[in-house]
Amino acid sequence: GISRTFDRERVMAMSDGYLLFGKTILCRKGEEGKYKSLKDLDRPEVKVMVNPGGTNEKFAKAELPHATLLIHEKNAGIPSLIAEGKADIMITETMEARRYVKMNRKLAAPLVDSPFTKSRFGALMAKGDQEFLNYVNFFLAEMGISKMETNDEAATFAEFAFYLDSAVVQFDNSFGQSQSDAGANAGGKAIHLFRLIEAVEYLIYLFGVD
């Protein structure tokens, strides 16, 4: 999945949204009480570290103009720098924050359940295949994924992957019966679904879901 945006929708086809997520913060464990709102972050003495050129930097510049902004090239290296005291705050996504806290006990994500922004993932596809887009959206609606707004994002991914596995089987059974006409086309579409499953399963691996 990928974040749903108007820019992406203009050039590609996007499925209905699933999995609510948004911008939040990472800080050192023990300092959670200091950061309860954007106002607490937007102070010159608060060092906010982000990677350059992405949505994290854009958010920090727009919402935290008075904070001391530090730029670090590699996003994955920022959590350890926060833990070491090189900066106070990292701007990140809710899913990443949960993973970083799980990986490093020196870190905390006090606002992860109330993100500053709200977005959803969607499946990105080439324009021009409305039948396939309709199928994916129908599948999401039937499984209830598009309405999921749980804070347990890892569990949501696990359930989503399970349903996608079933969907691929159903998809092949429905469209792959006639090898002479629809079989090849259906096989290509099934590959796209498998790739989406692989992405979701990788996220499940990162979250450590059994």
N, C-alpha and C. Protein backbone atom coordinates (compact mmCIF):
# COMPACT_ATOMS: atom_id res chain seq x y z
N GLY A 1 0.81 -1.20 0.00
CA GLY A 1 0.00 0.00 0.00
C GLY A 1 0.85 1.25 0.00
N ILE A 2 0.21 2.39 -0.33
CA ILE A 2 0.91 3.67 -0.40
C ILE A 2 -0.07 4.76 -0.01
N SER A 3 0.44 5.87 0.50
CA SER A 3 -0.43 6.95 0.95
C SER A 3 -1.28 7.48 -0.20
N ARG A 4 -2.55 7.71 0.07
CA ARG A 4 -3.46 8.26 -0.93
C ARG A 4 -3.27 9.78 -1.00
N THR A 5 -2.96 10.28 -2.21
CA THR A 5 -2.82 11.71 -2.42
C THR A 5 -3.48 12.08 -3.74
N PHE A 6 -3.86 13.36 -3.87
CA PHE A 6 -4.47 13.83 -5.11
C PHE A 6 -3.46 13.77 -6.26
N ASP A 7 -2.19 14.05 -5.98
CA ASP A 7 -1.17 14.01 -7.02
C ASP A 7 -1.05 12.61 -7.61
N ARG A 8 -1.07 11.59 -6.76
CA ARG A 8 -0.97 10.21 -7.24
C ARG A 8 -2.25 9.81 -7.99
N GLU A 9 -3.37 10.29 -7.50
CA GLU A 9 -4.65 9.94 -8.12
C GLU A 9 -4.75 10.51 -9.53
N ARG A 10 -4.08 11.63 -9.79
CA ARG A 10 -4.14 12.25 -11.11
C ARG A 10 -3.44 11.42 -12.17
N VAL A 11 -2.40 10.67 -11.79
CA VAL A 11 -1.62 9.93 -12.78
C VAL A 11 -1.81 8.42 -12.69
N MET A 12 -2.31 7.93 -11.55
CA MET A 12 -2.52 6.49 -11.38
C MET A 12 -3.92 6.26 -10.82
N ALA A 13 -4.33 5.00 -10.83
CA ALA A 13 -5.59 4.63 -10.20
C ALA A 13 -5.30 4.20 -8.77
N MET A 14 -6.15 4.63 -7.84
CA MET A 14 -5.95 4.27 -6.44
C MET A 14 -7.22 3.65 -5.90
N SER A 15 -7.04 2.61 -5.10
CA SER A 15 -8.18 1.94 -4.48
C SER A 15 -8.75 2.81 -3.38
N ASP A 16 -9.88 2.39 -2.84
CA ASP A 16 -10.41 3.03 -1.65
C ASP A 16 -9.38 2.90 -0.53
N GLY A 17 -9.45 3.79 0.44
CA GLY A 17 -8.46 3.82 1.49
C GLY A 17 -8.67 2.75 2.56
N TYR A 18 -7.58 2.38 3.19
CA TYR A 18 -7.62 1.47 4.33
C TYR A 18 -6.48 1.84 5.27
N LEU A 19 -6.58 1.51 6.51
CA LEU A 19 -5.59 1.73 7.55
C LEU A 19 -5.30 3.21 7.81
N LEU A 20 -5.87 3.73 8.86
CA LEU A 20 -5.66 5.12 9.27
C LEU A 20 -4.29 5.28 9.92
N PHE A 21 -3.54 6.31 9.51
CA PHE A 21 -2.24 6.58 10.11
C PHE A 21 -1.97 8.08 10.01
N GLY A 22 -0.88 8.55 10.62
CA GLY A 22 -0.58 9.97 10.54
C GLY A 22 0.74 10.33 11.18
N LYS A 23 1.04 11.63 11.20
CA LYS A 23 2.29 12.13 11.75
C LYS A 23 2.23 12.14 13.28
N THR A 24 3.32 11.69 13.89
CA THR A 24 3.44 11.71 15.34
C THR A 24 4.89 11.95 15.71
N ILE A 25 5.24 11.78 16.97
CA ILE A 25 6.61 12.07 17.41
C ILE A 25 7.24 10.88 18.10
N LEU A 26 8.56 10.90 18.10
CA LEU A 26 9.37 9.95 18.85
C LEU A 26 10.24 10.78 19.79
N CYS A 27 10.33 10.37 21.05
CA CYS A 27 11.16 11.09 22.01
C CYS A 27 11.85 10.07 22.92
N ARG A 28 12.66 10.55 23.86
CA ARG A 28 13.32 9.66 24.79
C ARG A 28 12.34 9.22 25.88
N LYS A 29 12.47 7.97 26.27
CA LYS A 29 11.63 7.45 27.34
C LYS A 29 11.92 8.21 28.63
N GLY A 30 10.86 8.56 29.33
CA GLY A 30 11.01 9.35 30.54
C GLY A 30 10.70 10.81 30.33
N GLU A 31 10.62 11.23 29.05
CA GLU A 31 10.32 12.62 28.74
C GLU A 31 8.95 12.77 28.07
N GLU A 32 8.16 11.72 28.13
CA GLU A 32 6.85 11.74 27.48
C GLU A 32 5.96 12.88 27.98
N GLY A 33 6.05 13.18 29.27
CA GLY A 33 5.19 14.21 29.86
C GLY A 33 5.46 15.62 29.36
N LYS A 34 6.61 15.83 28.75
CA LYS A 34 6.98 17.16 28.26
C LYS A 34 6.29 17.51 26.95
N TYR A 35 5.81 16.48 26.23
CA TYR A 35 5.28 16.71 24.89
C TYR A 35 3.85 16.18 24.78
N LYS A 36 2.90 17.07 24.95
CA LYS A 36 1.49 16.68 24.91
C LYS A 36 0.73 17.31 23.74
N SER A 37 1.38 18.27 23.06
CA SER A 37 0.72 18.97 21.96
C SER A 37 1.76 19.60 21.05
N LEU A 38 1.33 20.13 19.92
CA LEU A 38 2.24 20.82 19.02
C LEU A 38 2.84 22.06 19.70
N LYS A 39 2.07 22.69 20.57
CA LYS A 39 2.56 23.86 21.28
C LYS A 39 3.77 23.52 22.14
N ASP A 40 3.76 22.33 22.72
CA ASP A 40 4.90 21.90 23.55
C ASP A 40 6.15 21.67 22.72
N LEU A 41 5.96 21.35 21.44
CA LEU A 41 7.08 21.07 20.55
C LEU A 41 7.63 22.33 19.90
N ASP A 42 6.76 23.30 19.69
CA ASP A 42 7.10 24.49 18.91
C ASP A 42 7.79 25.54 19.78
N ARG A 43 8.98 25.18 20.28
CA ARG A 43 9.77 26.07 21.12
C ARG A 43 11.24 26.00 20.69
N PRO A 44 11.96 27.09 20.76
CA PRO A 44 13.36 27.11 20.30
C PRO A 44 14.25 26.08 21.00
N GLU A 45 13.96 25.78 22.26
CA GLU A 45 14.82 24.84 22.99
C GLU A 45 14.56 23.38 22.62
N VAL A 46 13.53 23.12 21.83
CA VAL A 46 13.21 21.75 21.42
C VAL A 46 13.88 21.48 20.06
N LYS A 47 14.77 20.50 20.05
CA LYS A 47 15.48 20.12 18.82
C LYS A 47 14.69 19.03 18.10
N VAL A 48 14.20 19.36 16.92
CA VAL A 48 13.40 18.43 16.12
C VAL A 48 14.22 17.95 14.93
N MET A 49 14.38 16.64 14.80
CA MET A 49 15.20 16.09 13.73
C MET A 49 14.33 15.36 12.71
N VAL A 50 14.59 15.64 11.41
CA VAL A 50 13.85 15.00 10.32
C VAL A 50 14.81 14.70 9.17
N ASN A 51 14.37 13.84 8.26
CA ASN A 51 15.13 13.60 7.04
C ASN A 51 14.75 14.65 6.00
N PRO A 52 15.65 14.96 5.07
CA PRO A 52 15.39 16.05 4.12
C PRO A 52 14.47 15.66 2.97
N GLY A 53 13.68 16.65 2.54
CA GLY A 53 12.92 16.52 1.30
C GLY A 53 11.62 15.77 1.35
N GLY A 54 11.26 15.22 2.49
CA GLY A 54 10.03 14.42 2.56
C GLY A 54 8.92 15.12 3.32
N THR A 55 7.88 14.35 3.61
CA THR A 55 6.72 14.89 4.31
C THR A 55 7.02 15.23 5.77
N ASN A 56 8.02 14.56 6.36
CA ASN A 56 8.39 14.87 7.75
C ASN A 56 8.96 16.28 7.85
N GLU A 57 9.85 16.63 6.93
CA GLU A 57 10.43 17.98 6.92
C GLU A 57 9.35 19.02 6.61
N LYS A 58 8.50 18.70 5.65
CA LYS A 58 7.41 19.62 5.28
C LYS A 58 6.50 19.89 6.47
N PHE A 59 6.16 18.85 7.21
CA PHE A 59 5.30 19.00 8.38
C PHE A 59 6.00 19.84 9.45
N ALA A 60 7.27 19.55 9.72
CA ALA A 60 8.01 20.27 10.76
C ALA A 60 8.10 21.76 10.44
N LYS A 61 8.39 22.09 9.20
CA LYS A 61 8.53 23.50 8.82
C LYS A 61 7.20 24.24 8.89
N ALA A 62 6.13 23.54 8.57
CA ALA A 62 4.82 24.18 8.57
C ALA A 62 4.23 24.32 9.97
N GLU A 63 4.42 23.30 10.80
CA GLU A 63 3.75 23.26 12.10
C GLU A 63 4.64 23.64 13.29
N LEU A 64 5.97 23.62 13.08
CA LEU A 64 6.89 23.90 14.19
C LEU A 64 7.92 24.97 13.80
N PRO A 65 7.46 26.14 13.42
CA PRO A 65 8.38 27.18 12.93
C PRO A 65 9.33 27.73 13.98
N HIS A 66 9.01 27.57 15.26
CA HIS A 66 9.85 28.12 16.33
C HIS A 66 10.81 27.08 16.93
N ALA A 67 10.60 25.83 16.60
CA ALA A 67 11.49 24.78 17.11
C ALA A 67 12.82 24.82 16.36
N THR A 68 13.85 24.24 16.95
CA THR A 68 15.16 24.15 16.29
C THR A 68 15.16 22.92 15.40
N LEU A 69 15.17 23.14 14.09
CA LEU A 69 15.07 22.04 13.13
C LEU A 69 16.45 21.53 12.74
N LEU A 70 16.66 20.22 12.89
CA LEU A 70 17.91 19.57 12.51
C LEU A 70 17.62 18.58 11.39
N ILE A 71 18.46 18.61 10.37
CA ILE A 71 18.27 17.72 9.21
C ILE A 71 19.31 16.61 9.25
N HIS A 72 18.83 15.37 9.14
CA HIS A 72 19.72 14.21 9.08
C HIS A 72 19.39 13.42 7.82
N GLU A 73 20.40 13.08 7.05
CA GLU A 73 20.19 12.49 5.73
C GLU A 73 19.41 11.18 5.76
N LYS A 74 19.72 10.31 6.69
CA LYS A 74 19.11 8.98 6.71
C LYS A 74 18.03 8.90 7.79
N ASN A 75 16.81 8.73 7.35
CA ASN A 75 15.67 8.68 8.26
C ASN A 75 15.82 7.55 9.28
N ALA A 76 16.32 6.40 8.84
CA ALA A 76 16.45 5.24 9.72
C ALA A 76 17.45 5.46 10.84
N GLY A 77 18.36 6.42 10.69
CA GLY A 77 19.35 6.67 11.72
C GLY A 77 18.90 7.65 12.79
N ILE A 78 17.78 8.32 12.58
CA ILE A 78 17.33 9.35 13.53
C ILE A 78 16.91 8.77 14.88
N PRO A 79 16.18 7.66 14.95
CA PRO A 79 15.77 7.15 16.27
C PRO A 79 16.94 6.96 17.24
N SER A 80 18.03 6.40 16.77
CA SER A 80 19.18 6.18 17.65
C SER A 80 19.78 7.50 18.11
N LEU A 81 19.73 8.54 17.26
CA LEU A 81 20.24 9.85 17.63
C LEU A 81 19.34 10.50 18.69
N ILE A 82 18.05 10.24 18.61
CA ILE A 82 17.12 10.73 19.63
C ILE A 82 17.46 10.05 20.96
N ALA A 83 17.66 8.73 20.92
CA ALA A 83 17.99 7.98 22.13
C ALA A 83 19.29 8.45 22.76
N GLU A 84 20.25 8.88 21.93
CA GLU A 84 21.55 9.34 22.41
C GLU A 84 21.52 10.79 22.91
N GLY A 85 20.40 11.50 22.66
CA GLY A 85 20.30 12.87 23.12
C GLY A 85 20.79 13.90 22.12
N LYS A 86 21.06 13.51 20.87
CA LYS A 86 21.52 14.45 19.85
C LYS A 86 20.37 15.35 19.38
N ALA A 87 19.15 14.94 19.61
CA ALA A 87 17.96 15.73 19.32
C ALA A 87 16.87 15.28 20.28
N ASP A 88 15.81 16.08 20.39
CA ASP A 88 14.75 15.76 21.34
C ASP A 88 13.58 15.02 20.72
N ILE A 89 13.27 15.37 19.47
CA ILE A 89 12.06 14.87 18.83
C ILE A 89 12.34 14.41 17.41
N MET A 90 11.72 13.33 17.00
CA MET A 90 11.71 12.91 15.60
C MET A 90 10.26 12.97 15.12
N ILE A 91 10.05 13.56 13.96
CA ILE A 91 8.73 13.52 13.32
C ILE A 91 8.69 12.28 12.46
N THR A 92 7.67 11.46 12.64
CA THR A 92 7.58 10.20 11.91
C THR A 92 6.13 9.78 11.77
N GLU A 93 5.88 8.63 11.15
CA GLU A 93 4.53 8.10 11.00
C GLU A 93 4.20 7.21 12.20
N THR A 94 2.91 7.05 12.48
CA THR A 94 2.49 6.25 13.63
C THR A 94 3.03 4.83 13.56
N MET A 95 3.01 4.23 12.38
CA MET A 95 3.48 2.85 12.24
C MET A 95 4.97 2.74 12.54
N GLU A 96 5.74 3.70 12.00
CA GLU A 96 7.18 3.69 12.26
C GLU A 96 7.47 3.92 13.74
N ALA A 97 6.71 4.83 14.35
CA ALA A 97 6.92 5.13 15.77
C ALA A 97 6.74 3.88 16.63
N ARG A 98 5.70 3.12 16.35
CA ARG A 98 5.45 1.89 17.11
C ARG A 98 6.61 0.91 16.94
N ARG A 99 7.11 0.82 15.73
CA ARG A 99 8.22 -0.12 15.46
C ARG A 99 9.50 0.33 16.16
N TYR A 100 9.80 1.63 16.09
CA TYR A 100 11.02 2.14 16.72
C TYR A 100 10.99 1.94 18.24
N VAL A 101 9.85 2.17 18.85
CA VAL A 101 9.72 1.98 20.30
C VAL A 101 9.92 0.52 20.67
N LYS A 102 9.42 -0.36 19.81
CA LYS A 102 9.57 -1.79 20.07
C LYS A 102 11.04 -2.23 19.93
N MET A 103 11.77 -1.58 19.03
CA MET A 103 13.16 -1.94 18.77
C MET A 103 14.13 -1.33 19.77
N ASN A 104 13.77 -0.18 20.35
CA ASN A 104 14.69 0.53 21.23
C ASN A 104 13.94 0.97 22.49
N ARG A 105 14.29 0.39 23.62
CA ARG A 105 13.59 0.67 24.87
C ARG A 105 13.88 2.06 25.43
N LYS A 106 14.81 2.76 24.83
CA LYS A 106 15.12 4.12 25.27
C LYS A 106 14.18 5.14 24.66
N LEU A 107 13.31 4.69 23.76
CA LEU A 107 12.44 5.60 23.02
C LEU A 107 10.98 5.48 23.46
N ALA A 108 10.22 6.53 23.20
CA ALA A 108 8.80 6.55 23.53
C ALA A 108 8.05 7.29 22.43
N ALA A 109 6.77 6.97 22.28
CA ALA A 109 5.90 7.63 21.30
C ALA A 109 4.61 8.02 22.00
N PRO A 110 4.64 9.09 22.79
CA PRO A 110 3.51 9.42 23.66
C PRO A 110 2.23 9.82 22.96
N LEU A 111 2.32 10.27 21.70
CA LEU A 111 1.13 10.76 20.99
C LEU A 111 0.74 9.87 19.83
N VAL A 112 1.19 8.63 19.86
CA VAL A 112 0.97 7.74 18.71
C VAL A 112 -0.51 7.43 18.49
N ASP A 113 -1.32 7.49 19.54
CA ASP A 113 -2.75 7.19 19.39
C ASP A 113 -3.58 8.41 19.01
N SER A 114 -2.93 9.56 18.93
CA SER A 114 -3.63 10.78 18.52
C SER A 114 -2.74 11.57 17.57
N PRO A 115 -2.53 11.05 16.35
CA PRO A 115 -1.61 11.69 15.40
C PRO A 115 -2.07 13.09 15.00
N PHE A 116 -1.10 13.92 14.61
CA PHE A 116 -1.39 15.30 14.21
C PHE A 116 -2.10 15.37 12.87
N THR A 117 -1.86 14.39 12.01
CA THR A 117 -2.52 14.33 10.70
C THR A 117 -3.16 12.96 10.55
N LYS A 118 -4.06 12.83 9.59
CA LYS A 118 -4.71 11.55 9.33
C LYS A 118 -4.71 11.26 7.84
N SER A 119 -4.20 10.10 7.49
CA SER A 119 -4.14 9.67 6.09
C SER A 119 -4.52 8.20 6.03
N ARG A 120 -4.66 7.69 4.81
CA ARG A 120 -4.94 6.27 4.61
C ARG A 120 -4.08 5.72 3.49
N PHE A 121 -3.81 4.42 3.58
CA PHE A 121 -3.13 3.73 2.49
C PHE A 121 -4.15 3.34 1.42
N GLY A 122 -3.64 3.14 0.21
CA GLY A 122 -4.45 2.62 -0.88
C GLY A 122 -3.58 1.78 -1.78
N ALA A 123 -4.20 0.93 -2.58
CA ALA A 123 -3.46 0.14 -3.56
C ALA A 123 -3.30 0.97 -4.83
N LEU A 124 -2.07 1.10 -5.32
CA LEU A 124 -1.77 1.90 -6.50
C LEU A 124 -1.74 1.01 -7.73
N MET A 125 -2.51 1.42 -8.76
CA MET A 125 -2.62 0.61 -9.98
C MET A 125 -2.56 1.51 -11.20
N ALA A 126 -2.27 0.91 -12.35
CA ALA A 126 -2.27 1.67 -13.60
C ALA A 126 -3.70 2.06 -13.96
N LYS A 127 -3.85 3.24 -14.54
CA LYS A 127 -5.17 3.67 -14.99
C LYS A 127 -5.61 2.85 -16.19
N GLY A 128 -6.93 2.74 -16.39
CA GLY A 128 -7.44 2.09 -17.59
C GLY A 128 -8.04 0.72 -17.36
N ASP A 129 -7.92 0.17 -16.15
CA ASP A 129 -8.50 -1.15 -15.88
C ASP A 129 -9.54 -0.99 -14.77
N GLN A 130 -10.68 -0.44 -15.13
CA GLN A 130 -11.73 -0.16 -14.16
C GLN A 130 -12.27 -1.44 -13.53
N GLU A 131 -12.29 -2.54 -14.31
CA GLU A 131 -12.81 -3.81 -13.79
C GLU A 131 -11.98 -4.28 -12.60
N PHE A 132 -10.67 -4.21 -12.74
CA PHE A 132 -9.79 -4.64 -11.66
C PHE A 132 -9.90 -3.70 -10.45
N LEU A 133 -9.98 -2.39 -10.72
CA LEU A 133 -10.13 -1.42 -9.64
C LEU A 133 -11.43 -1.67 -8.88
N ASN A 134 -12.50 -1.95 -9.63
CA ASN A 134 -13.78 -2.25 -8.99
C ASN A 134 -13.68 -3.49 -8.11
N TYR A 135 -12.96 -4.49 -8.60
CA TYR A 135 -12.80 -5.73 -7.84
C TYR A 135 -12.07 -5.48 -6.53
N VAL A 136 -10.96 -4.73 -6.59
CA VAL A 136 -10.18 -4.44 -5.39
C VAL A 136 -11.02 -3.65 -4.39
N ASN A 137 -11.76 -2.64 -4.87
CA ASN A 137 -12.59 -1.83 -3.97
C ASN A 137 -13.73 -2.66 -3.37
N PHE A 138 -14.30 -3.54 -4.19
CA PHE A 138 -15.37 -4.41 -3.69
C PHE A 138 -14.83 -5.34 -2.60
N PHE A 139 -13.64 -5.87 -2.85
CA PHE A 139 -13.00 -6.75 -1.87
C PHE A 139 -12.75 -6.03 -0.56
N LEU A 140 -12.22 -4.81 -0.64
CA LEU A 140 -11.94 -4.03 0.58
C LEU A 140 -13.22 -3.75 1.35
N ALA A 141 -14.28 -3.40 0.63
CA ALA A 141 -15.56 -3.10 1.28
C ALA A 141 -16.15 -4.35 1.93
N GLU A 142 -16.09 -5.48 1.23
CA GLU A 142 -16.67 -6.71 1.75
C GLU A 142 -15.94 -7.19 3.01
N MET A 143 -14.63 -6.99 3.02
CA MET A 143 -13.85 -7.44 4.16
C MET A 143 -13.88 -6.43 5.31
N GLY A 144 -14.42 -5.24 5.03
CA GLY A 144 -14.49 -4.23 6.06
C GLY A 144 -13.20 -3.50 6.29
N ILE A 145 -12.19 -3.72 5.46
CA ILE A 145 -10.88 -3.12 5.66
C ILE A 145 -10.96 -1.60 5.53
N SER A 146 -11.79 -1.12 4.58
CA SER A 146 -11.84 0.31 4.33
C SER A 146 -12.39 1.09 5.52
N LYS A 147 -13.07 0.39 6.43
CA LYS A 147 -13.65 1.07 7.59
C LYS A 147 -12.84 0.88 8.86
N MET A 148 -11.72 0.15 8.78
CA MET A 148 -10.91 -0.13 9.96
C MET A 148 -10.19 1.12 10.42
N GLU A 149 -10.34 1.48 11.66
CA GLU A 149 -9.66 2.63 12.22
C GLU A 149 -9.07 2.24 13.57
N THR A 150 -8.57 1.04 13.66
CA THR A 150 -8.02 0.55 14.92
C THR A 150 -6.66 1.14 15.18
N ASN A 151 -6.31 1.28 16.45
CA ASN A 151 -4.98 1.73 16.82
C ASN A 151 -3.96 0.61 16.71
N ASP A 152 -4.43 -0.63 16.66
CA ASP A 152 -3.54 -1.78 16.54
C ASP A 152 -3.22 -2.00 15.07
N GLU A 153 -2.29 -1.19 14.54
CA GLU A 153 -2.01 -1.21 13.11
C GLU A 153 -1.42 -2.54 12.66
N ALA A 154 -0.59 -3.15 13.52
CA ALA A 154 0.02 -4.43 13.17
C ALA A 154 -1.05 -5.50 12.96
N ALA A 155 -2.03 -5.54 13.86
CA ALA A 155 -3.10 -6.52 13.74
C ALA A 155 -3.91 -6.26 12.48
N THR A 156 -4.11 -4.99 12.14
CA THR A 156 -4.84 -4.65 10.92
C THR A 156 -4.11 -5.19 9.71
N PHE A 157 -2.78 -5.01 9.66
CA PHE A 157 -2.00 -5.53 8.55
C PHE A 157 -2.12 -7.05 8.47
N ALA A 158 -2.08 -7.71 9.61
CA ALA A 158 -2.15 -9.16 9.62
C ALA A 158 -3.49 -9.64 9.05
N GLU A 159 -4.56 -9.00 9.49
CA GLU A 159 -5.88 -9.39 9.00
C GLU A 159 -6.02 -9.08 7.51
N PHE A 160 -5.47 -7.91 7.11
CA PHE A 160 -5.54 -7.53 5.70
C PHE A 160 -4.82 -8.53 4.82
N ALA A 161 -3.63 -8.98 5.25
CA ALA A 161 -2.86 -9.95 4.47
C ALA A 161 -3.62 -11.28 4.36
N PHE A 162 -4.27 -11.68 5.47
CA PHE A 162 -5.03 -12.93 5.46
C PHE A 162 -6.14 -12.86 4.42
N TYR A 163 -6.87 -11.77 4.41
CA TYR A 163 -7.96 -11.62 3.46
C TYR A 163 -7.46 -11.51 2.03
N LEU A 164 -6.30 -10.87 1.85
CA LEU A 164 -5.74 -10.77 0.51
C LEU A 164 -5.36 -12.14 -0.03
N ASP A 165 -4.81 -12.99 0.82
CA ASP A 165 -4.49 -14.35 0.39
C ASP A 165 -5.74 -15.05 -0.14
N SER A 166 -6.85 -14.90 0.58
CA SER A 166 -8.10 -15.50 0.15
C SER A 166 -8.59 -14.87 -1.15
N ALA A 167 -8.37 -13.55 -1.26
CA ALA A 167 -8.84 -12.85 -2.44
C ALA A 167 -8.13 -13.31 -3.70
N VAL A 168 -6.82 -13.58 -3.59
CA VAL A 168 -6.08 -14.05 -4.76
C VAL A 168 -6.64 -15.37 -5.26
N VAL A 169 -6.94 -16.27 -4.32
CA VAL A 169 -7.52 -17.56 -4.70
C VAL A 169 -8.86 -17.35 -5.39
N GLN A 170 -9.71 -16.51 -4.80
CA GLN A 170 -11.01 -16.24 -5.40
C GLN A 170 -10.86 -15.59 -6.76
N PHE A 171 -9.88 -14.69 -6.87
CA PHE A 171 -9.66 -13.97 -8.11
C PHE A 171 -9.27 -14.94 -9.23
N ASP A 172 -8.34 -15.85 -8.93
CA ASP A 172 -7.91 -16.82 -9.92
C ASP A 172 -9.05 -17.77 -10.30
N ASN A 173 -9.84 -18.17 -9.30
CA ASN A 173 -10.95 -19.07 -9.58
C ASN A 173 -12.00 -18.42 -10.45
N SER A 174 -12.20 -17.11 -10.25
CA SER A 174 -13.25 -16.41 -10.98
C SER A 174 -12.82 -16.05 -12.39
N PHE A 175 -11.56 -15.61 -12.54
CA PHE A 175 -11.12 -15.07 -13.82
C PHE A 175 -10.17 -15.99 -14.58
N GLY A 176 -9.65 -17.02 -13.91
CA GLY A 176 -8.63 -17.83 -14.55
C GLY A 176 -9.13 -19.15 -15.10
N GLN A 177 -10.45 -19.32 -15.21
CA GLN A 177 -10.99 -20.59 -15.66
C GLN A 177 -10.75 -20.79 -17.15
N SER A 178 -10.81 -19.71 -17.92
CA SER A 178 -10.63 -19.83 -19.36
C SER A 178 -9.25 -19.34 -19.75
N GLN A 179 -8.34 -20.26 -19.93
CA GLN A 179 -6.96 -19.89 -20.26
C GLN A 179 -6.87 -19.23 -21.63
N SER A 180 -7.81 -19.52 -22.52
CA SER A 180 -7.75 -19.01 -23.87
C SER A 180 -8.13 -17.54 -23.97
N ASP A 181 -9.01 -17.06 -23.07
CA ASP A 181 -9.42 -15.67 -23.17
C ASP A 181 -8.99 -14.84 -21.96
N ALA A 182 -9.53 -15.10 -20.80
CA ALA A 182 -9.27 -14.24 -19.64
C ALA A 182 -8.13 -14.75 -18.78
N GLY A 183 -7.66 -15.95 -19.01
CA GLY A 183 -6.68 -16.55 -18.12
C GLY A 183 -5.40 -15.75 -17.99
N ALA A 184 -4.79 -15.35 -19.10
CA ALA A 184 -3.52 -14.64 -19.05
C ALA A 184 -3.68 -13.29 -18.36
N ASN A 185 -4.77 -12.59 -18.69
CA ASN A 185 -5.01 -11.29 -18.08
C ASN A 185 -5.22 -11.42 -16.58
N ALA A 186 -5.98 -12.42 -16.17
CA ALA A 186 -6.23 -12.63 -14.74
C ALA A 186 -4.94 -12.97 -14.01
N GLY A 187 -4.09 -13.77 -14.67
CA GLY A 187 -2.84 -14.13 -14.03
C GLY A 187 -1.99 -12.91 -13.74
N GLY A 188 -1.97 -11.96 -14.68
CA GLY A 188 -1.21 -10.73 -14.46
C GLY A 188 -1.75 -9.94 -13.29
N LYS A 189 -3.07 -9.89 -13.18
CA LYS A 189 -3.68 -9.15 -12.08
C LYS A 189 -3.42 -9.84 -10.75
N ALA A 190 -3.44 -11.18 -10.78
CA ALA A 190 -3.16 -11.92 -9.55
C ALA A 190 -1.74 -11.63 -9.07
N ILE A 191 -0.82 -11.46 -10.01
CA ILE A 191 0.56 -11.13 -9.63
C ILE A 191 0.60 -9.82 -8.87
N HIS A 192 -0.18 -8.82 -9.33
CA HIS A 192 -0.24 -7.54 -8.63
C HIS A 192 -0.73 -7.72 -7.20
N LEU A 193 -1.72 -8.59 -7.03
CA LEU A 193 -2.23 -8.84 -5.68
C LEU A 193 -1.18 -9.53 -4.83
N PHE A 194 -0.46 -10.47 -5.43
CA PHE A 194 0.59 -11.15 -4.67
C PHE A 194 1.66 -10.15 -4.22
N ARG A 195 2.00 -9.20 -5.09
CA ARG A 195 2.99 -8.20 -4.72
C ARG A 195 2.50 -7.34 -3.56
N LEU A 196 1.22 -7.04 -3.57
CA LEU A 196 0.65 -6.28 -2.46
C LEU A 196 0.71 -7.09 -1.17
N ILE A 197 0.43 -8.39 -1.29
CA ILE A 197 0.52 -9.28 -0.12
C ILE A 197 1.94 -9.30 0.43
N GLU A 198 2.92 -9.39 -0.47
CA GLU A 198 4.31 -9.42 -0.03
C GLU A 198 4.67 -8.16 0.74
N ALA A 199 4.19 -7.00 0.27
CA ALA A 199 4.47 -5.74 0.96
C ALA A 199 3.85 -5.74 2.35
N VAL A 200 2.62 -6.22 2.43
CA VAL A 200 1.93 -6.25 3.72
C VAL A 200 2.62 -7.23 4.66
N GLU A 201 3.00 -8.40 4.15
CA GLU A 201 3.66 -9.39 4.98
C GLU A 201 5.00 -8.89 5.49
N TYR A 202 5.70 -8.06 4.69
CA TYR A 202 6.95 -7.47 5.15
C TYR A 202 6.69 -6.53 6.32
N LEU A 203 5.61 -5.75 6.23
CA LEU A 203 5.26 -4.85 7.33
C LEU A 203 4.90 -5.65 8.57
N ILE A 204 4.23 -6.78 8.38
CA ILE A 204 3.90 -7.66 9.51
C ILE A 204 5.20 -8.15 10.17
N TYR A 205 6.17 -8.50 9.36
CA TYR A 205 7.47 -8.95 9.87
C TYR A 205 8.12 -7.84 10.70
N LEU A 206 8.05 -6.59 10.23
CA LEU A 206 8.64 -5.48 10.96
C LEU A 206 7.96 -5.27 12.29
N PHE A 207 6.62 -5.48 12.33
CA PHE A 207 5.89 -5.29 13.56
C PHE A 207 6.04 -6.50 14.51
N GLY A 208 6.49 -7.63 13.98
CA GLY A 208 6.65 -8.80 14.82
C GLY A 208 5.34 -9.51 15.13
N VAL A 209 4.38 -9.47 14.20
CA VAL A 209 3.10 -10.13 14.42
C VAL A 209 3.25 -11.62 14.13
N ASP A 210 2.78 -12.45 15.03
CA ASP A 210 2.86 -13.91 14.84
C ASP A 210 1.73 -14.40 13.96
